[in-house]
Each structure stands twice: as C-alpha cells, then as structure tokens.
Amino acid sequence: MEWNRGFGRVKEERKSSSFFKIFHSADLSSESMRGIPYDFMKNVSKEDFSCKMVIRTKWGRSWEVDISMNPRFYYMEKSGWNQFVSDNALGSNEFVTFTHSGLMCFNVNIYRESGKEIVLPHATTPFSGIKNEEGERSYKDVKKEDESMGGVGHVEIGESSRGAALRKKKAEKHKRRKKVKYGVPRFKITITKSYLKSLPIPTFFDKYLKSESKVYKIHHSEGDGSWEVLSLVHQAHIVLSRGWIKLAREYPLAVGDRCTFHLVKPTEFVLTSKRPRP
C-alpha cells in the first residue's frame, strides 16, 4: 500500500524534470553517487542552469551544493552533498527523488526501504549550515526569545560569575529543548473524548499561527496520509474544526493518546501520536 502511494507520486514527479537516487550503505560521497544524470542535464535550459543548486526537503530545510563537471557528466561537490547526506542520516537504502522546480532548485522526497515517506527532519539535524524557509524559527530566534523572557539573569549571593554563566547556559538549553524539537515549533496535547470532534490549539501556540480561519495540512508522522483541516477563531481561541473528525478516525486517534504537533511550515503540521500503555 505504501509502495503504491510512493510509486504513484514518483510517476507524477517523473512527468516533470526529475531524477532519483538509492542511498545504499556504500560510499555515498563517491563521484558516481554525486553525479547528475546526463538525460536530466540536457533538458535543463540555459536560463535555468547555474553552477550552484539548492536541495529542499518538504519540511522546508535547504542545502546549497556547488556543481562541477568532468569529461563525462555533471556532479555535486562533496561539501554540500555530504552535509545533506549527514543531516538526513541517509545510507539505509532510502529512495530519494529530486524534482527540479526551476533555476536549479530541487524539491526532494525521501522514502524508507519500506516505502514509507519521511516527513520529519532527522532528530539530530543541526541548526547551523541549514537555511530556514519563511515561517520557521532558527536557533538564534529561540535564543532571543528566551532572553526576552528574562532567562536566568540574576546571580545568587556567593555564586561566582562563571558558575552563574554555566547555570544560565544550562537553563537556556533546557528551554530551547522544551520549546523546539527538530528545529520547528511544536505543542503537545492529550486526546480527550471531546477532542475527537474538534481540537483547541493551546493559547501559547497562537503566536505561530494566523489569527484568522485557515486550512492547515496535517501529515501522519509515518507517511500514512495527510489531511486538510480548517481552523476557526472562536472567542480569541483557535480550534481545529472541519476535517478534524476525519483525521481522528483515519489516523486513527483514541482517548488518552499523547499527540505532538510539529509546525514544519506556516500552514503544515506533522502529527506524531503515542498510545499509553495499558
């Protein structure tokens, strides 16, 4: 079933200008692995061609990679390519499609060997060296927010300045870990009976969302589907309404499930759910 869904998407992508690679555990930085198919490059117009390409994942992260040429084919330089491979922990037979959207910008879709699409960034993806799309928050953004909220600026009597600095650094690290995971804002909620019909967004999360009725796309964390859900603003609260019952039924969600919503794009969430032990 998953392979059929993934294969269908690949067929659609093949209608546009695209190519794919399979990431075996062999040398992923070899020149042949970094090569760009000749049949693809001959269809790239002079207006679109550049010696630098941008690889962008569906959750909005992107990498710049220089392009060079040997007597046989074009290939991606090691520095940017190896960063992309490392940040996404590739090398376990993943199937990756590269779809050209113009001006040497490529949208990538990553599928596990099982055929399930990966829709969340790898948990160890660093903040540095990776560009953020509009609507995402960087490490510096989170740090500034922590400082604006007061941080841990005081020094206790008898405490050295070095000890205070270490304690402040530890506290800020804890706050960043709590607020942002996978480099994107998130909130957690436990499903109650009423939440299977509509879901109120915690008020602290409103600052990341538009204060107007809006359709959000919510993805299953294992690539098992996506749903469009309408948010309504009611008495200064944002509530997921139309489309939410369908999502809860098909995901499926149940009373007691602990859910985490990752805002990977301004209007897209990835939903992970854990069922409590009996």
C-alpha atoms as a PDB file:
ATOM      1  CA  MET A   1       0.000   0.000   0.000  1.00  0.00           C
ATOM      2  CA  GLU A   2       2.766   2.427   0.968  1.00  0.00           C
ATOM      3  CA  TRP A   3       4.833   1.472  -2.051  1.00  0.00           C
ATOM      4  CA  ASN A   4       1.803   2.082  -4.289  1.00  0.00           C
ATOM      5  CA  ARG A   5       1.315   5.561  -2.835  1.00  0.00           C
ATOM      6  CA  GLY A   6       5.024   6.344  -3.118  1.00  0.00           C
ATOM      7  CA  PHE A   7       5.255   4.924  -6.626  1.00  0.00           C
ATOM      8  CA  GLY A   8       2.269   6.991  -7.709  1.00  0.00           C
ATOM      9  CA  ARG A   9       3.964  10.147  -6.508  1.00  0.00           C
ATOM     10  CA  VAL A  10       7.207   9.177  -8.259  1.00  0.00           C
ATOM     11  CA  LYS A  11       5.267   8.712 -11.515  1.00  0.00           C
ATOM     12  CA  GLU A  12       3.839  12.197 -11.146  1.00  0.00           C
ATOM     13  CA  GLU A  13       7.276  13.638 -10.433  1.00  0.00           C
ATOM     14  CA  ARG A  14       8.731  11.881 -13.469  1.00  0.00           C
ATOM     15  CA  LYS A  15       6.321  13.907 -15.629  1.00  0.00           C
ATOM     16  CA  SER A  16       8.288  16.958 -14.573  1.00  0.00           C
ATOM     17  CA  SER A  17      12.074  17.221 -14.786  1.00  0.00           C
ATOM     18  CA  SER A  18      13.445  14.928 -12.076  1.00  0.00           C
ATOM     19  CA  PHE A  19      15.802  12.093 -11.182  1.00  0.00           C
ATOM     20  CA  PHE A  20      16.241   9.705  -8.261  1.00  0.00           C
ATOM     21  CA  LYS A  21      18.953   8.015  -6.220  1.00  0.00           C
ATOM     22  CA  ILE A  22      19.053   4.998  -3.898  1.00  0.00           C
ATOM     23  CA  PHE A  23      21.259   5.519  -0.850  1.00  0.00           C
ATOM     24  CA  HIS A  24      22.981   2.198  -0.181  1.00  0.00           C
ATOM     25  CA  SER A  25      25.471   1.985   2.677  1.00  0.00           C
ATOM     26  CA  ALA A  26      28.361   2.045   0.182  1.00  0.00           C
ATOM     27  CA  ASP A  27      30.440   5.184  -0.426  1.00  0.00           C
ATOM     28  CA  LEU A  28      27.767   7.870  -0.547  1.00  0.00           C
ATOM     29  CA  SER A  29      30.336  10.559  -1.376  1.00  0.00           C
ATOM     30  CA  SER A  30      31.711   8.854  -4.492  1.00  0.00           C
ATOM     31  CA  GLU A  31      31.707  10.867  -7.693  1.00  0.00           C
ATOM     32  CA  SER A  32      29.252   8.475  -9.341  1.00  0.00           C
ATOM     33  CA  MET A  33      26.851   8.803  -6.400  1.00  0.00           C
ATOM     34  CA  ARG A  34      27.118  12.591  -6.648  1.00  0.00           C
ATOM     35  CA  GLY A  35      26.605  12.507 -10.399  1.00  0.00           C
ATOM     36  CA  ILE A  36      23.631  14.173 -12.088  1.00  0.00           C
ATOM     37  CA  PRO A  37      22.122  12.078 -14.920  1.00  0.00           C
ATOM     38  CA  TYR A  38      23.063  13.229 -18.404  1.00  0.00           C
ATOM     39  CA  ASP A  39      19.494  12.836 -19.684  1.00  0.00           C
ATOM     40  CA  PHE A  40      18.344  15.222 -16.992  1.00  0.00           C
ATOM     41  CA  MET A  41      21.022  17.868 -17.571  1.00  0.00           C
ATOM     42  CA  LYS A  42      20.484  18.001 -21.329  1.00  0.00           C
ATOM     43  CA  ASN A  43      16.894  19.117 -20.675  1.00  0.00           C
ATOM     44  CA  VAL A  44      17.895  21.982 -18.387  1.00  0.00           C
ATOM     45  CA  SER A  45      17.710  25.284 -20.276  1.00  0.00           C
ATOM     46  CA  LYS A  46      20.497  27.856 -20.254  1.00  0.00           C
ATOM     47  CA  GLU A  47      18.196  30.212 -18.368  1.00  0.00           C
ATOM     48  CA  ASP A  48      17.663  27.638 -15.604  1.00  0.00           C
ATOM     49  CA  PHE A  49      21.231  26.378 -15.331  1.00  0.00           C
ATOM     50  CA  SER A  50      23.527  27.527 -12.529  1.00  0.00           C
ATOM     51  CA  CYS A  51      26.771  26.227 -11.022  1.00  0.00           C
ATOM     52  CA  LYS A  52      25.036  26.092  -7.667  1.00  0.00           C
ATOM     53  CA  MET A  53      21.943  24.034  -6.837  1.00  0.00           C
ATOM     54  CA  VAL A  54      19.579  24.161  -3.867  1.00  0.00           C
ATOM     55  CA  ILE A  55      18.169  20.943  -2.369  1.00  0.00           C
ATOM     56  CA  ARG A  56      14.972  21.478  -0.350  1.00  0.00           C
ATOM     57  CA  THR A  57      13.057  18.977   1.789  1.00  0.00           C
ATOM     58  CA  LYS A  58       9.291  19.064   2.236  1.00  0.00           C
ATOM     59  CA  TRP A  59       9.666  20.385   5.807  1.00  0.00           C
ATOM     60  CA  GLY A  60      11.412  23.496   4.476  1.00  0.00           C
ATOM     61  CA  ARG A  61      15.128  22.838   5.118  1.00  0.00           C
ATOM     62  CA  SER A  62      17.531  23.509   2.273  1.00  0.00           C
ATOM     63  CA  TRP A  63      21.173  22.954   1.356  1.00  0.00           C
ATOM     64  CA  GLU A  64      23.305  24.759  -1.239  1.00  0.00           C
ATOM     65  CA  VAL A  65      25.515  22.466  -3.312  1.00  0.00           C
ATOM     66  CA  ASP A  66      28.106  23.547  -5.898  1.00  0.00           C
ATOM     67  CA  ILE A  67      28.034  21.800  -9.290  1.00  0.00           C
ATOM     68  CA  SER A  68      31.157  20.847 -11.263  1.00  0.00           C
ATOM     69  CA  MET A  69      31.785  18.909 -14.461  1.00  0.00           C
ATOM     70  CA  ASN A  70      34.237  16.227 -15.534  1.00  0.00           C
ATOM     71  CA  PRO A  71      34.651  14.983 -19.147  1.00  0.00           C
ATOM     72  CA  ARG A  72      31.654  12.656 -18.707  1.00  0.00           C
ATOM     73  CA  PHE A  73      28.987  14.275 -16.527  1.00  0.00           C
ATOM     74  CA  TYR A  74      27.997  16.984 -14.078  1.00  0.00           C
ATOM     75  CA  TYR A  75      28.282  16.173 -10.388  1.00  0.00           C
ATOM     76  CA  MET A  76      27.632  17.716  -6.983  1.00  0.00           C
ATOM     77  CA  GLU A  77      30.610  18.855  -4.915  1.00  0.00           C
ATOM     78  CA  LYS A  78      31.351  16.906  -1.737  1.00  0.00           C
ATOM     79  CA  SER A  79      30.947  19.676   0.838  1.00  0.00           C
ATOM     80  CA  GLY A  80      27.273  20.492   0.303  1.00  0.00           C
ATOM     81  CA  TRP A  81      26.339  16.948  -0.731  1.00  0.00           C
ATOM     82  CA  ASN A  82      27.938  15.311   2.309  1.00  0.00           C
ATOM     83  CA  GLN A  83      26.158  17.827   4.571  1.00  0.00           C
ATOM     84  CA  PHE A  84      22.803  16.895   3.026  1.00  0.00           C
ATOM     85  CA  VAL A  85      23.511  13.161   3.424  1.00  0.00           C
ATOM     86  CA  SER A  86      24.728  13.553   7.011  1.00  0.00           C
ATOM     87  CA  ASP A  87      21.932  15.850   8.193  1.00  0.00           C
ATOM     88  CA  ASN A  88      19.298  13.407   6.930  1.00  0.00           C
ATOM     89  CA  ALA A  89      21.150  10.262   8.143  1.00  0.00           C
ATOM     90  CA  LEU A  90      20.931   8.652   4.698  1.00  0.00           C
ATOM     91  CA  GLY A  91      22.533   5.316   3.873  1.00  0.00           C
ATOM     92  CA  SER A  92      19.898   2.697   4.766  1.00  0.00           C
ATOM     93  CA  ASN A  93      18.581   2.039   1.249  1.00  0.00           C
ATOM     94  CA  GLU A  94      16.452   5.189   1.138  1.00  0.00           C
ATOM     95  CA  PHE A  95      14.840   6.056  -2.200  1.00  0.00           C
ATOM     96  CA  VAL A  96      15.147   9.812  -2.858  1.00  0.00           C
ATOM     97  CA  THR A  97      13.590  11.789  -5.700  1.00  0.00           C
ATOM     98  CA  PHE A  98      14.971  15.156  -6.867  1.00  0.00           C
ATOM     99  CA  THR A  99      12.353  17.269  -8.689  1.00  0.00           C
ATOM    100  CA  HIS A 100      13.521  20.394 -10.489  1.00  0.00           C
ATOM    101  CA  SER A 101      11.301  23.422  -9.778  1.00  0.00           C
ATOM    102  CA  GLY A 102      13.428  25.805 -11.860  1.00  0.00           C
ATOM    103  CA  LEU A 103      16.688  27.787 -11.520  1.00  0.00           C
ATOM    104  CA  MET A 104      18.463  24.659 -10.181  1.00  0.00           C
ATOM    105  CA  CYS A 105      16.187  24.405  -7.121  1.00  0.00           C
ATOM    106  CA  PHE A 106      15.187  20.820  -6.300  1.00  0.00           C
ATOM    107  CA  ASN A 107      12.408  19.524  -4.065  1.00  0.00           C
ATOM    108  CA  VAL A 108      13.314  16.154  -2.568  1.00  0.00           C
ATOM    109  CA  ASN A 109      11.101  13.375  -1.251  1.00  0.00           C
ATOM    110  CA  ILE A 110      12.758  10.723   0.912  1.00  0.00           C
ATOM    111  CA  TYR A 111      11.317   7.213   1.269  1.00  0.00           C
ATOM    112  CA  ARG A 112      12.442   4.467   3.638  1.00  0.00           C
ATOM    113  CA  GLU A 113      13.202   0.993   2.306  1.00  0.00           C
ATOM    114  CA  SER A 114       9.696   0.012   3.464  1.00  0.00           C
ATOM    115  CA  GLY A 115       8.243   2.592   1.078  1.00  0.00           C
ATOM    116  CA  LYS A 116       7.049   4.999   3.771  1.00  0.00           C
ATOM    117  CA  GLU A 117       7.868   8.627   3.127  1.00  0.00           C
ATOM    118  CA  ILE A 118       9.930  10.509   5.716  1.00  0.00           C
ATOM    119  CA  VAL A 119       8.065  13.699   6.608  1.00  0.00           C
ATOM    120  CA  LEU A 120      10.065  14.894   9.646  1.00  0.00           C
ATOM    121  CA  PRO A 121      13.712  16.011   9.742  1.00  0.00           C
ATOM    122  CA  HIS A 122      16.171  13.689  11.432  1.00  0.00           C
ATOM    123  CA  ALA A 123      16.234  14.357  15.185  1.00  0.00           C
ATOM    124  CA  THR A 124      19.970  15.134  15.221  1.00  0.00           C
ATOM    125  CA  THR A 125      19.836  17.633  12.334  1.00  0.00           C
ATOM    126  CA  PRO A 126      21.938  20.621  13.471  1.00  0.00           C
ATOM    127  CA  PHE A 127      20.709  24.179  13.210  1.00  0.00           C
ATOM    128  CA  SER A 128      23.904  25.596  11.686  1.00  0.00           C
ATOM    129  CA  GLY A 129      24.548  25.481   7.956  1.00  0.00           C
ATOM    130  CA  ILE A 130      20.911  24.840   7.054  1.00  0.00           C
ATOM    131  CA  LYS A 131      18.653  27.552   5.706  1.00  0.00           C
ATOM    132  CA  ASN A 132      15.191  28.159   7.128  1.00  0.00           C
ATOM    133  CA  GLU A 133      12.155  28.865   4.955  1.00  0.00           C
ATOM    134  CA  GLU A 134       9.853  31.738   5.864  1.00  0.00           C
ATOM    135  CA  GLY A 135       7.803  30.837   8.912  1.00  0.00           C
ATOM    136  CA  GLU A 136      10.450  28.664  10.553  1.00  0.00           C
ATOM    137  CA  ARG A 137      12.454  29.658  13.588  1.00  0.00           C
ATOM    138  CA  SER A 138      16.203  29.384  13.878  1.00  0.00           C
ATOM    139  CA  TYR A 139      18.430  28.671  16.863  1.00  0.00           C
ATOM    140  CA  LYS A 140      19.104  32.427  17.223  1.00  0.00           C
ATOM    141  CA  ASP A 141      15.373  33.206  17.170  1.00  0.00           C
ATOM    142  CA  VAL A 142      14.769  30.823  20.052  1.00  0.00           C
ATOM    143  CA  LYS A 143      17.737  32.180  21.985  1.00  0.00           C
ATOM    144  CA  LYS A 144      16.498  35.769  21.594  1.00  0.00           C
ATOM    145  CA  GLU A 145      13.050  34.730  22.784  1.00  0.00           C
ATOM    146  CA  ASP A 146      14.496  33.065  25.874  1.00  0.00           C
ATOM    147  CA  GLU A 147      16.500  36.193  26.681  1.00  0.00           C
ATOM    148  CA  SER A 148      13.483  38.467  26.150  1.00  0.00           C
ATOM    149  CA  MET A 149      11.561  36.374  28.676  1.00  0.00           C
ATOM    150  CA  GLY A 150      14.140  37.100  31.311  1.00  0.00           C
ATOM    151  CA  GLY A 151      16.289  33.996  31.072  1.00  0.00           C
ATOM    152  CA  VAL A 152      18.235  33.380  34.271  1.00  0.00           C
ATOM    153  CA  GLY A 153      19.907  36.748  34.592  1.00  0.00           C
ATOM    154  CA  HIS A 154      20.339  37.040  38.372  1.00  0.00           C
ATOM    155  CA  VAL A 155      23.397  35.916  40.361  1.00  0.00           C
ATOM    156  CA  GLU A 156      22.898  34.384  43.769  1.00  0.00           C
ATOM    157  CA  ILE A 157      24.945  35.662  46.734  1.00  0.00           C
ATOM    158  CA  GLY A 158      28.260  33.817  46.972  1.00  0.00           C
ATOM    159  CA  GLU A 159      27.949  32.425  43.455  1.00  0.00           C
ATOM    160  CA  SER A 160      30.840  33.016  41.052  1.00  0.00           C
ATOM    161  CA  SER A 161      30.186  34.712  37.719  1.00  0.00           C
ATOM    162  CA  ARG A 162      31.453  31.569  35.945  1.00  0.00           C
ATOM    163  CA  GLY A 163      29.027  29.383  37.880  1.00  0.00           C
ATOM    164  CA  ALA A 164      26.166  31.745  37.081  1.00  0.00           C
ATOM    165  CA  ALA A 165      27.058  31.689  33.393  1.00  0.00           C
ATOM    166  CA  LEU A 166      27.095  27.891  33.347  1.00  0.00           C
ATOM    167  CA  ARG A 167      23.773  27.725  35.150  1.00  0.00           C
ATOM    168  CA  LYS A 168      22.239  30.258  32.750  1.00  0.00           C
ATOM    169  CA  LYS A 169      23.539  28.330  29.738  1.00  0.00           C
ATOM    170  CA  LYS A 170      22.101  25.088  31.101  1.00  0.00           C
ATOM    171  CA  ALA A 171      18.722  26.697  31.769  1.00  0.00           C
ATOM    172  CA  GLU A 172      18.566  28.239  28.289  1.00  0.00           C
ATOM    173  CA  LYS A 173      19.452  24.905  26.708  1.00  0.00           C
ATOM    174  CA  HIS A 174      16.621  23.259  28.645  1.00  0.00           C
ATOM    175  CA  LYS A 175      14.148  25.935  27.481  1.00  0.00           C
ATOM    176  CA  ARG A 176      15.189  25.566  23.844  1.00  0.00           C
ATOM    177  CA  ARG A 177      14.818  21.799  24.038  1.00  0.00           C
ATOM    178  CA  LYS A 178      11.377  22.164  25.550  1.00  0.00           C
ATOM    179  CA  LYS A 179      10.078  24.696  23.031  1.00  0.00           C
ATOM    180  CA  VAL A 180      11.616  23.482  19.791  1.00  0.00           C
ATOM    181  CA  LYS A 181      12.286  19.951  18.597  1.00  0.00           C
ATOM    182  CA  TYR A 182      13.523  19.009  15.129  1.00  0.00           C
ATOM    183  CA  GLY A 183      14.193  22.763  14.724  1.00  0.00           C
ATOM    184  CA  VAL A 184      10.475  23.671  14.466  1.00  0.00           C
ATOM    185  CA  PRO A 185       7.826  24.902  16.957  1.00  0.00           C
ATOM    186  CA  ARG A 186       5.614  22.212  18.500  1.00  0.00           C
ATOM    187  CA  PHE A 187       2.928  21.649  21.084  1.00  0.00           C
ATOM    188  CA  LYS A 188       1.708  18.552  22.918  1.00  0.00           C
ATOM    189  CA  ILE A 189      -1.818  17.579  23.868  1.00  0.00           C
ATOM    190  CA  THR A 190      -3.577  14.506  25.325  1.00  0.00           C
ATOM    191  CA  ILE A 191      -6.714  13.433  23.468  1.00  0.00           C
ATOM    192  CA  THR A 192      -9.993  13.544  25.406  1.00  0.00           C
ATOM    193  CA  LYS A 193     -13.416  12.440  24.177  1.00  0.00           C
ATOM    194  CA  SER A 194     -14.358  15.978  23.123  1.00  0.00           C
ATOM    195  CA  TYR A 195     -11.026  16.394  21.296  1.00  0.00           C
ATOM    196  CA  LEU A 196     -12.055  13.658  18.844  1.00  0.00           C
ATOM    197  CA  LYS A 197     -14.660  16.111  17.467  1.00  0.00           C
ATOM    198  CA  SER A 198     -12.652  19.351  17.490  1.00  0.00           C
ATOM    199  CA  LEU A 199      -9.264  20.320  18.861  1.00  0.00           C
ATOM    200  CA  PRO A 200      -8.449  23.626  20.590  1.00  0.00           C
ATOM    201  CA  ILE A 201      -4.902  24.865  19.997  1.00  0.00           C
ATOM    202  CA  PRO A 202      -3.089  25.828  23.246  1.00  0.00           C
ATOM    203  CA  THR A 203      -3.121  29.614  23.586  1.00  0.00           C
ATOM    204  CA  PHE A 204       0.677  29.861  23.947  1.00  0.00           C
ATOM    205  CA  PHE A 205       0.954  28.482  20.384  1.00  0.00           C
ATOM    206  CA  ASP A 206      -1.288  31.149  18.814  1.00  0.00           C
ATOM    207  CA  LYS A 207       1.733  33.366  18.069  1.00  0.00           C
ATOM    208  CA  TYR A 208       2.906  30.850  15.440  1.00  0.00           C
ATOM    209  CA  LEU A 209      -0.447  30.729  13.642  1.00  0.00           C
ATOM    210  CA  LYS A 210      -2.597  33.166  11.679  1.00  0.00           C
ATOM    211  CA  SER A 211      -5.363  34.772  13.748  1.00  0.00           C
ATOM    212  CA  GLU A 212      -7.962  34.020  11.070  1.00  0.00           C
ATOM    213  CA  SER A 213      -9.761  30.996   9.665  1.00  0.00           C
ATOM    214  CA  LYS A 214      -7.196  28.962   7.751  1.00  0.00           C
ATOM    215  CA  VAL A 215      -6.823  25.499   6.223  1.00  0.00           C
ATOM    216  CA  TYR A 216      -3.855  23.541   7.589  1.00  0.00           C
ATOM    217  CA  LYS A 217      -2.423  20.367   6.106  1.00  0.00           C
ATOM    218  CA  ILE A 218      -1.591  17.776   8.779  1.00  0.00           C
ATOM    219  CA  HIS A 219       0.728  14.876   7.855  1.00  0.00           C
ATOM    220  CA  HIS A 220       0.981  11.475   9.520  1.00  0.00           C
ATOM    221  CA  SER A 221       4.454  11.114  11.053  1.00  0.00           C
ATOM    222  CA  GLU A 222       4.948   7.743   9.323  1.00  0.00           C
ATOM    223  CA  GLY A 223       3.796   8.984   5.930  1.00  0.00           C
ATOM    224  CA  ASP A 224       0.451   7.162   6.188  1.00  0.00           C
ATOM    225  CA  GLY A 225      -1.572  10.077   4.877  1.00  0.00           C
ATOM    226  CA  SER A 226      -2.303  13.797   5.001  1.00  0.00           C
ATOM    227  CA  TRP A 227      -5.476  15.670   5.898  1.00  0.00           C
ATOM    228  CA  GLU A 228      -6.701  19.222   5.329  1.00  0.00           C
ATOM    229  CA  VAL A 229      -8.234  20.693   8.476  1.00  0.00           C
ATOM    230  CA  LEU A 230      -9.937  24.062   8.842  1.00  0.00           C
ATOM    231  CA  SER A 231      -9.009  26.210  11.843  1.00  0.00           C
ATOM    232  CA  LEU A 232     -11.626  28.583  13.257  1.00  0.00           C
ATOM    233  CA  VAL A 233     -11.046  31.545  15.546  1.00  0.00           C
ATOM    234  CA  HIS A 234     -13.624  31.454  18.350  1.00  0.00           C
ATOM    235  CA  GLN A 235     -13.506  33.883  21.295  1.00  0.00           C
ATOM    236  CA  ALA A 236      -9.799  34.559  20.676  1.00  0.00           C
ATOM    237  CA  HIS A 237      -9.044  30.809  20.603  1.00  0.00           C
ATOM    238  CA  ILE A 238      -8.000  28.787  17.548  1.00  0.00           C
ATOM    239  CA  VAL A 239      -9.849  25.486  17.097  1.00  0.00           C
ATOM    240  CA  LEU A 240      -9.232  22.729  14.515  1.00  0.00           C
ATOM    241  CA  SER A 241     -12.694  22.030  13.156  1.00  0.00           C
ATOM    242  CA  ARG A 242     -13.840  20.799   9.742  1.00  0.00           C
ATOM    243  CA  GLY A 243     -11.741  17.836   8.623  1.00  0.00           C
ATOM    244  CA  TRP A 244     -10.507  17.045  12.153  1.00  0.00           C
ATOM    245  CA  ILE A 245     -13.070  14.248  12.767  1.00  0.00           C
ATOM    246  CA  LYS A 246     -11.952  12.558   9.530  1.00  0.00           C
ATOM    247  CA  LEU A 247      -8.307  12.832  10.598  1.00  0.00           C
ATOM    248  CA  ALA A 248      -9.043  11.427  14.080  1.00  0.00           C
ATOM    249  CA  ARG A 249     -10.880   8.469  12.539  1.00  0.00           C
ATOM    250  CA  GLU A 250      -8.319   7.651   9.840  1.00  0.00           C
ATOM    251  CA  TYR A 251      -5.047   8.349  11.702  1.00  0.00           C
ATOM    252  CA  PRO A 252      -6.520   6.799  13.996  1.00  0.00           C
ATOM    253  CA  LEU A 253      -6.600   8.690  17.327  1.00  0.00           C
ATOM    254  CA  ALA A 254      -8.165   7.488  20.592  1.00  0.00           C
ATOM    255  CA  VAL A 255      -8.889   8.912  24.037  1.00  0.00           C
ATOM    256  CA  GLY A 256      -5.642   9.058  26.031  1.00  0.00           C
ATOM    257  CA  ASP A 257      -3.312   9.320  23.029  1.00  0.00           C
ATOM    258  CA  ARG A 258      -0.451  11.771  23.593  1.00  0.00           C
ATOM    259  CA  CYS A 259      -0.080  13.844  20.440  1.00  0.00           C
ATOM    260  CA  THR A 260       2.662  16.213  19.321  1.00  0.00           C
ATOM    261  CA  PHE A 261       2.082  18.732  16.530  1.00  0.00           C
ATOM    262  CA  HIS A 262       5.235  19.933  14.697  1.00  0.00           C
ATOM    263  CA  LEU A 263       4.742  23.132  12.671  1.00  0.00           C
ATOM    264  CA  VAL A 264       7.071  22.278   9.760  1.00  0.00           C
ATOM    265  CA  LYS A 265       5.714  25.051   7.501  1.00  0.00           C
ATOM    266  CA  PRO A 266       3.488  28.097   8.140  1.00  0.00           C
ATOM    267  CA  THR A 267       0.378  26.074   7.211  1.00  0.00           C
ATOM    268  CA  GLU A 268       1.590  22.468   7.642  1.00  0.00           C
ATOM    269  CA  PHE A 269       1.900  20.215  10.686  1.00  0.00           C
ATOM    270  CA  VAL A 270       3.382  16.772  11.202  1.00  0.00           C
ATOM    271  CA  LEU A 271       1.415  14.842  13.838  1.00  0.00           C
ATOM    272  CA  THR A 272       3.018  12.153  15.998  1.00  0.00           C
ATOM    273  CA  SER A 273       0.915  10.108  18.420  1.00  0.00           C
ATOM    274  CA  LYS A 274       1.774   7.724  21.257  1.00  0.00           C
ATOM    275  CA  ARG A 275      -0.787   5.424  22.811  1.00  0.00           C
ATOM    276  CA  PRO A 276      -0.479   4.992  26.604  1.00  0.00           C
ATOM    277  CA  ARG A 277       0.482   1.587  27.892  1.00  0.00           C
ATOM    278  CA  PRO A 278      -2.470  -0.471  29.170  1.00  0.00           C
END
